[in-house]
């Protein structure tokens, strides 16, 4: 059967379908959909899709990391299965946007070590969550999406940065332009290397001074 505007393909992975009480059709589960997208997506895109399904926003959160691991473990071979396994280490839970997951992957592959996503820093009786952080040297990376341009949000962000600076944190703001091309990504990682290396050297010096003093 041929339907104009549609193409039909087969999928050999484990059948995992669901239907809510109010829905009329059975549909692929979020994790099965992710697996089906593997043959049509780059590794970075596949990781971003997976991370989006594990969003920090409970309204958009549809899966956990264990769901992905389990599906691949029990699923027979299918086109893109190896890519799914490659994407797993680049999928972060509880992020707020796909660019944050892209940032995680860039830093992970930069030689600086794997950053900690959604790192919590206690400030007095409250706390803040950092998009990506290297706690060993107190360097944080905060992705600046469009909503950060809202005046009220700008005031909140400024207060957050000031509070972090008092605790010795360096906060690097990341924009879409930093992630846009291979050249801008390269320049961004070069800058990140300078800042993180400098802060690590300073942290090492402080520790050495504390031991000898």
C-alpha atoms as a PDB file:
ATOM      1  CA  UNK A   1       0.000   0.000   0.000  1.00  0.00           C
ATOM      2  CA  UNK A   2       1.273   3.460  -0.870  1.00  0.00           C
ATOM      3  CA  UNK A   3       0.026   6.646   0.751  1.00  0.00           C
ATOM      4  CA  UNK A   4       1.018   9.943  -0.847  1.00  0.00           C
ATOM      5  CA  UNK A   5       3.213  11.967   1.497  1.00  0.00           C
ATOM      6  CA  UNK A   6       4.127   9.028   3.729  1.00  0.00           C
ATOM      7  CA  UNK A   7       6.889   6.454   3.661  1.00  0.00           C
ATOM      8  CA  UNK A   8       6.746   3.159   5.519  1.00  0.00           C
ATOM      9  CA  UNK A   9       9.805   1.497   7.044  1.00  0.00           C
ATOM     10  CA  UNK A  10      10.294  -1.509   9.300  1.00  0.00           C
ATOM     11  CA  UNK A  11      11.957  -1.469  12.714  1.00  0.00           C
ATOM     12  CA  UNK A  12      13.499  -4.597  14.203  1.00  0.00           C
ATOM     13  CA  UNK A  13      13.919  -3.325  17.763  1.00  0.00           C
ATOM     14  CA  UNK A  14      11.725  -4.464  20.627  1.00  0.00           C
ATOM     15  CA  UNK A  15       8.088  -3.463  20.211  1.00  0.00           C
ATOM     16  CA  UNK A  16       7.228  -1.085  23.040  1.00  0.00           C
ATOM     17  CA  UNK A  17       3.923   0.683  22.523  1.00  0.00           C
ATOM     18  CA  UNK A  18       1.472   2.426  24.812  1.00  0.00           C
ATOM     19  CA  UNK A  19      -1.895   4.137  24.842  1.00  0.00           C
ATOM     20  CA  UNK A  20      -3.356   6.488  27.431  1.00  0.00           C
ATOM     21  CA  UNK A  21      -6.964   6.007  28.487  1.00  0.00           C
ATOM     22  CA  UNK A  22      -8.093   9.060  26.537  1.00  0.00           C
ATOM     23  CA  UNK A  23      -6.178   8.206  23.341  1.00  0.00           C
ATOM     24  CA  UNK A  24      -7.529   6.214  20.392  1.00  0.00           C
ATOM     25  CA  UNK A  25      -4.298   4.814  18.947  1.00  0.00           C
ATOM     26  CA  UNK A  26      -1.349   2.824  20.197  1.00  0.00           C
ATOM     27  CA  UNK A  27       1.913   4.707  19.725  1.00  0.00           C
ATOM     28  CA  UNK A  28       5.613   3.990  20.171  1.00  0.00           C
ATOM     29  CA  UNK A  29       6.976   4.595  23.659  1.00  0.00           C
ATOM     30  CA  UNK A  30       9.376   7.555  23.994  1.00  0.00           C
ATOM     31  CA  UNK A  31      12.381   5.235  24.279  1.00  0.00           C
ATOM     32  CA  UNK A  32      11.343   3.184  21.248  1.00  0.00           C
ATOM     33  CA  UNK A  33      10.866   6.420  19.288  1.00  0.00           C
ATOM     34  CA  UNK A  34      14.390   7.493  20.330  1.00  0.00           C
ATOM     35  CA  UNK A  35      15.814   4.195  19.091  1.00  0.00           C
ATOM     36  CA  UNK A  36      13.966   4.550  15.770  1.00  0.00           C
ATOM     37  CA  UNK A  37      15.485   8.021  15.274  1.00  0.00           C
ATOM     38  CA  UNK A  38      19.037   6.655  15.511  1.00  0.00           C
ATOM     39  CA  UNK A  39      19.377   5.912  11.796  1.00  0.00           C
ATOM     40  CA  UNK A  40      18.168   9.401  10.873  1.00  0.00           C
ATOM     41  CA  UNK A  41      20.123  11.449  13.445  1.00  0.00           C
ATOM     42  CA  UNK A  42      23.709  12.399  14.126  1.00  0.00           C
ATOM     43  CA  UNK A  43      25.210  11.229  17.408  1.00  0.00           C
ATOM     44  CA  UNK A  44      24.804  14.715  18.869  1.00  0.00           C
ATOM     45  CA  UNK A  45      21.179  14.956  17.756  1.00  0.00           C
ATOM     46  CA  UNK A  46      20.376  11.515  19.159  1.00  0.00           C
ATOM     47  CA  UNK A  47      21.924  12.445  22.522  1.00  0.00           C
ATOM     48  CA  UNK A  48      19.922  15.693  22.565  1.00  0.00           C
ATOM     49  CA  UNK A  49      16.679  13.811  21.853  1.00  0.00           C
ATOM     50  CA  UNK A  50      17.394  11.389  24.684  1.00  0.00           C
ATOM     51  CA  UNK A  51      18.254  14.191  27.101  1.00  0.00           C
ATOM     52  CA  UNK A  52      15.040  16.026  26.165  1.00  0.00           C
ATOM     53  CA  UNK A  53      13.048  12.957  27.204  1.00  0.00           C
ATOM     54  CA  UNK A  54      14.733  13.174  30.632  1.00  0.00           C
ATOM     55  CA  UNK A  55      13.995  16.881  31.091  1.00  0.00           C
ATOM     56  CA  UNK A  56      14.056  18.478  34.539  1.00  0.00           C
ATOM     57  CA  UNK A  57      10.553  19.808  33.767  1.00  0.00           C
ATOM     58  CA  UNK A  58       8.238  17.067  35.074  1.00  0.00           C
ATOM     59  CA  UNK A  59       5.646  17.955  32.426  1.00  0.00           C
ATOM     60  CA  UNK A  60       8.129  17.083  29.657  1.00  0.00           C
ATOM     61  CA  UNK A  61       9.951  14.241  31.389  1.00  0.00           C
ATOM     62  CA  UNK A  62       8.975  10.976  29.705  1.00  0.00           C
ATOM     63  CA  UNK A  63      11.813   8.577  30.545  1.00  0.00           C
ATOM     64  CA  UNK A  64      14.692   7.863  32.898  1.00  0.00           C
ATOM     65  CA  UNK A  65      18.239   6.794  32.127  1.00  0.00           C
ATOM     66  CA  UNK A  66      17.344   3.285  33.297  1.00  0.00           C
ATOM     67  CA  UNK A  67      14.575   3.128  30.654  1.00  0.00           C
ATOM     68  CA  UNK A  68      17.133   3.650  27.882  1.00  0.00           C
ATOM     69  CA  UNK A  69      19.590   1.144  29.337  1.00  0.00           C
ATOM     70  CA  UNK A  70      16.879  -1.475  29.772  1.00  0.00           C
ATOM     71  CA  UNK A  71      15.444  -1.017  26.277  1.00  0.00           C
ATOM     72  CA  UNK A  72      18.819  -1.504  24.602  1.00  0.00           C
ATOM     73  CA  UNK A  73      19.612  -4.472  26.847  1.00  0.00           C
ATOM     74  CA  UNK A  74      16.454  -6.396  25.957  1.00  0.00           C
ATOM     75  CA  UNK A  75      16.044  -5.206  22.371  1.00  0.00           C
ATOM     76  CA  UNK A  76      17.256  -7.285  19.410  1.00  0.00           C
ATOM     77  CA  UNK A  77      19.626  -5.731  16.929  1.00  0.00           C
ATOM     78  CA  UNK A  78      18.289  -2.889  14.799  1.00  0.00           C
ATOM     79  CA  UNK A  79      19.752  -0.252  12.511  1.00  0.00           C
ATOM     80  CA  UNK A  80      21.306   2.429  14.709  1.00  0.00           C
ATOM     81  CA  UNK A  81      21.628   0.288  17.856  1.00  0.00           C
ATOM     82  CA  UNK A  82      25.387   0.887  18.088  1.00  0.00           C
ATOM     83  CA  UNK A  83      24.817   4.630  17.755  1.00  0.00           C
ATOM     84  CA  UNK A  84      22.308   4.456  20.612  1.00  0.00           C
ATOM     85  CA  UNK A  85      24.968   2.895  22.838  1.00  0.00           C
ATOM     86  CA  UNK A  86      27.438   5.610  21.786  1.00  0.00           C
ATOM     87  CA  UNK A  87      24.893   8.334  22.612  1.00  0.00           C
ATOM     88  CA  UNK A  88      24.168   7.129  26.164  1.00  0.00           C
ATOM     89  CA  UNK A  89      27.281   8.674  27.817  1.00  0.00           C
ATOM     90  CA  UNK A  90      26.380  12.038  26.240  1.00  0.00           C
ATOM     91  CA  UNK A  91      22.793  12.104  27.548  1.00  0.00           C
ATOM     92  CA  UNK A  92      22.340  14.100  30.745  1.00  0.00           C
ATOM     93  CA  UNK A  93      19.295  13.918  32.982  1.00  0.00           C
ATOM     94  CA  UNK A  94      17.367  16.926  34.294  1.00  0.00           C
ATOM     95  CA  UNK A  95      18.645  19.484  31.788  1.00  0.00           C
ATOM     96  CA  UNK A  96      16.385  22.309  30.651  1.00  0.00           C
ATOM     97  CA  UNK A  97      17.186  22.391  26.935  1.00  0.00           C
ATOM     98  CA  UNK A  98      18.986  20.494  24.136  1.00  0.00           C
ATOM     99  CA  UNK A  99      21.785  23.130  23.972  1.00  0.00           C
ATOM    100  CA  UNK A 100      22.711  22.277  27.564  1.00  0.00           C
ATOM    101  CA  UNK A 101      23.198  18.670  26.512  1.00  0.00           C
ATOM    102  CA  UNK A 102      25.292  19.817  23.531  1.00  0.00           C
ATOM    103  CA  UNK A 103      27.412  21.868  25.920  1.00  0.00           C
ATOM    104  CA  UNK A 104      27.868  18.797  28.124  1.00  0.00           C
ATOM    105  CA  UNK A 105      29.139  16.776  25.156  1.00  0.00           C
ATOM    106  CA  UNK A 106      31.550  19.511  24.059  1.00  0.00           C
ATOM    107  CA  UNK A 107      33.086  19.814  27.507  1.00  0.00           C
ATOM    108  CA  UNK A 108      33.202  16.034  27.937  1.00  0.00           C
ATOM    109  CA  UNK A 109      35.265  15.692  24.747  1.00  0.00           C
ATOM    110  CA  UNK A 110      37.410  18.779  25.378  1.00  0.00           C
ATOM    111  CA  UNK A 111      40.106  17.105  27.485  1.00  0.00           C
ATOM    112  CA  UNK A 112      39.031  19.014  30.596  1.00  0.00           C
ATOM    113  CA  UNK A 113      37.263  15.991  32.041  1.00  0.00           C
ATOM    114  CA  UNK A 114      33.559  15.243  32.336  1.00  0.00           C
ATOM    115  CA  UNK A 115      31.636  18.179  33.830  1.00  0.00           C
ATOM    116  CA  UNK A 116      28.987  17.717  36.492  1.00  0.00           C
ATOM    117  CA  UNK A 117      25.560  18.574  35.131  1.00  0.00           C
ATOM    118  CA  UNK A 118      22.995  20.325  37.333  1.00  0.00           C
ATOM    119  CA  UNK A 119      25.501  20.879  40.130  1.00  0.00           C
ATOM    120  CA  UNK A 120      23.997  22.185  43.359  1.00  0.00           C
ATOM    121  CA  UNK A 121      25.737  24.967  45.286  1.00  0.00           C
ATOM    122  CA  UNK A 122      24.390  25.871  48.722  1.00  0.00           C
ATOM    123  CA  UNK A 123      24.178  29.608  49.362  1.00  0.00           C
ATOM    124  CA  UNK A 124      23.105  30.419  52.900  1.00  0.00           C
ATOM    125  CA  UNK A 125      19.710  28.882  53.521  1.00  0.00           C
ATOM    126  CA  UNK A 126      19.102  28.447  49.789  1.00  0.00           C
ATOM    127  CA  UNK A 127      20.896  26.954  46.805  1.00  0.00           C
ATOM    128  CA  UNK A 128      21.415  27.369  43.070  1.00  0.00           C
ATOM    129  CA  UNK A 129      21.716  24.793  40.285  1.00  0.00           C
ATOM    130  CA  UNK A 130      24.517  25.216  37.754  1.00  0.00           C
ATOM    131  CA  UNK A 131      24.037  23.916  34.221  1.00  0.00           C
ATOM    132  CA  UNK A 132      27.568  22.478  34.024  1.00  0.00           C
ATOM    133  CA  UNK A 133      30.349  22.698  36.583  1.00  0.00           C
ATOM    134  CA  UNK A 134      33.877  21.650  37.439  1.00  0.00           C
ATOM    135  CA  UNK A 135      33.620  21.683  41.240  1.00  0.00           C
ATOM    136  CA  UNK A 136      37.330  20.924  41.716  1.00  0.00           C
ATOM    137  CA  UNK A 137      38.213  24.419  40.502  1.00  0.00           C
ATOM    138  CA  UNK A 138      34.844  26.175  40.888  1.00  0.00           C
ATOM    139  CA  UNK A 139      34.209  26.957  37.229  1.00  0.00           C
ATOM    140  CA  UNK A 140      30.598  26.918  36.019  1.00  0.00           C
ATOM    141  CA  UNK A 141      29.023  27.139  32.575  1.00  0.00           C
ATOM    142  CA  UNK A 142      25.542  28.622  32.267  1.00  0.00           C
ATOM    143  CA  UNK A 143      23.646  28.426  28.965  1.00  0.00           C
ATOM    144  CA  UNK A 144      21.809  31.653  28.192  1.00  0.00           C
ATOM    145  CA  UNK A 145      18.618  30.791  26.341  1.00  0.00           C
ATOM    146  CA  UNK A 146      16.167  33.405  25.084  1.00  0.00           C
ATOM    147  CA  UNK A 147      14.228  33.579  28.352  1.00  0.00           C
ATOM    148  CA  UNK A 148      17.341  34.926  30.093  1.00  0.00           C
ATOM    149  CA  UNK A 149      16.747  38.192  28.184  1.00  0.00           C
ATOM    150  CA  UNK A 150      13.622  38.845  30.250  1.00  0.00           C
ATOM    151  CA  UNK A 151      14.345  41.785  32.630  1.00  0.00           C
ATOM    152  CA  UNK A 152      13.112  39.903  35.689  1.00  0.00           C
ATOM    153  CA  UNK A 153      15.211  36.863  34.803  1.00  0.00           C
ATOM    154  CA  UNK A 154      18.247  39.090  34.183  1.00  0.00           C
ATOM    155  CA  UNK A 155      17.998  40.392  37.759  1.00  0.00           C
ATOM    156  CA  UNK A 156      17.744  36.846  39.105  1.00  0.00           C
ATOM    157  CA  UNK A 157      20.748  35.754  37.038  1.00  0.00           C
ATOM    158  CA  UNK A 158      22.806  38.744  38.186  1.00  0.00           C
ATOM    159  CA  UNK A 159      22.083  38.004  41.852  1.00  0.00           C
ATOM    160  CA  UNK A 160      22.982  34.351  41.269  1.00  0.00           C
ATOM    161  CA  UNK A 161      26.333  35.227  39.668  1.00  0.00           C
ATOM    162  CA  UNK A 162      27.202  37.700  42.407  1.00  0.00           C
ATOM    163  CA  UNK A 163      26.450  35.150  45.117  1.00  0.00           C
ATOM    164  CA  UNK A 164      28.569  32.535  43.349  1.00  0.00           C
ATOM    165  CA  UNK A 165      31.474  34.960  42.916  1.00  0.00           C
ATOM    166  CA  UNK A 166      31.513  35.553  46.666  1.00  0.00           C
ATOM    167  CA  UNK A 167      32.067  31.808  47.048  1.00  0.00           C
ATOM    168  CA  UNK A 168      34.966  31.867  44.595  1.00  0.00           C
ATOM    169  CA  UNK A 169      33.131  30.573  41.513  1.00  0.00           C
ATOM    170  CA  UNK A 170      33.906  31.697  37.961  1.00  0.00           C
ATOM    171  CA  UNK A 171      30.733  31.697  35.847  1.00  0.00           C
ATOM    172  CA  UNK A 172      31.084  31.457  32.056  1.00  0.00           C
ATOM    173  CA  UNK A 173      27.987  32.431  30.085  1.00  0.00           C
ATOM    174  CA  UNK A 174      27.304  30.366  26.962  1.00  0.00           C
ATOM    175  CA  UNK A 175      25.118  31.481  24.043  1.00  0.00           C
ATOM    176  CA  UNK A 176      23.781  29.849  20.912  1.00  0.00           C
ATOM    177  CA  UNK A 177      26.526  31.565  18.910  1.00  0.00           C
ATOM    178  CA  UNK A 178      29.167  29.629  20.867  1.00  0.00           C
ATOM    179  CA  UNK A 179      27.606  26.348  19.697  1.00  0.00           C
ATOM    180  CA  UNK A 180      26.689  27.383  16.164  1.00  0.00           C
ATOM    181  CA  UNK A 181      29.662  26.245  14.052  1.00  0.00           C
ATOM    182  CA  UNK A 182      32.811  24.165  14.324  1.00  0.00           C
ATOM    183  CA  UNK A 183      34.883  27.376  14.467  1.00  0.00           C
ATOM    184  CA  UNK A 184      32.849  28.995  17.242  1.00  0.00           C
ATOM    185  CA  UNK A 185      32.907  25.753  19.220  1.00  0.00           C
ATOM    186  CA  UNK A 186      36.675  25.535  18.830  1.00  0.00           C
ATOM    187  CA  UNK A 187      37.150  29.106  20.049  1.00  0.00           C
ATOM    188  CA  UNK A 188      34.824  28.485  22.977  1.00  0.00           C
ATOM    189  CA  UNK A 189      36.690  25.337  24.059  1.00  0.00           C
ATOM    190  CA  UNK A 190      40.024  27.170  23.786  1.00  0.00           C
ATOM    191  CA  UNK A 191      38.678  29.834  26.127  1.00  0.00           C
ATOM    192  CA  UNK A 192      37.288  27.187  28.494  1.00  0.00           C
ATOM    193  CA  UNK A 193      40.704  25.487  28.606  1.00  0.00           C
ATOM    194  CA  UNK A 194      42.376  28.748  29.602  1.00  0.00           C
ATOM    195  CA  UNK A 195      39.903  29.499  32.387  1.00  0.00           C
ATOM    196  CA  UNK A 196      39.638  25.972  33.811  1.00  0.00           C
ATOM    197  CA  UNK A 197      43.411  25.366  33.657  1.00  0.00           C
ATOM    198  CA  UNK A 198      44.124  28.678  35.353  1.00  0.00           C
ATOM    199  CA  UNK A 199      41.614  27.983  38.124  1.00  0.00           C
ATOM    200  CA  UNK A 200      42.953  24.463  38.641  1.00  0.00           C
ATOM    201  CA  UNK A 201      46.490  25.770  38.937  1.00  0.00           C
ATOM    202  CA  UNK A 202      45.291  28.337  41.456  1.00  0.00           C
ATOM    203  CA  UNK A 203      43.404  25.684  43.424  1.00  0.00           C
ATOM    204  CA  UNK A 204      46.514  23.452  43.472  1.00  0.00           C
ATOM    205  CA  UNK A 205      48.652  26.359  44.700  1.00  0.00           C
ATOM    206  CA  UNK A 206      46.158  27.169  47.459  1.00  0.00           C
ATOM    207  CA  UNK A 207      46.110  23.549  48.607  1.00  0.00           C
ATOM    208  CA  UNK A 208      49.910  23.374  48.608  1.00  0.00           C
ATOM    209  CA  UNK A 209      50.161  26.634  50.560  1.00  0.00           C
ATOM    210  CA  UNK A 210      47.620  25.376  53.117  1.00  0.00           C
ATOM    211  CA  UNK A 211      49.630  22.179  53.651  1.00  0.00           C
ATOM    212  CA  UNK A 212      52.994  23.923  54.101  1.00  0.00           C
ATOM    213  CA  UNK A 213      51.752  26.821  56.198  1.00  0.00           C
END
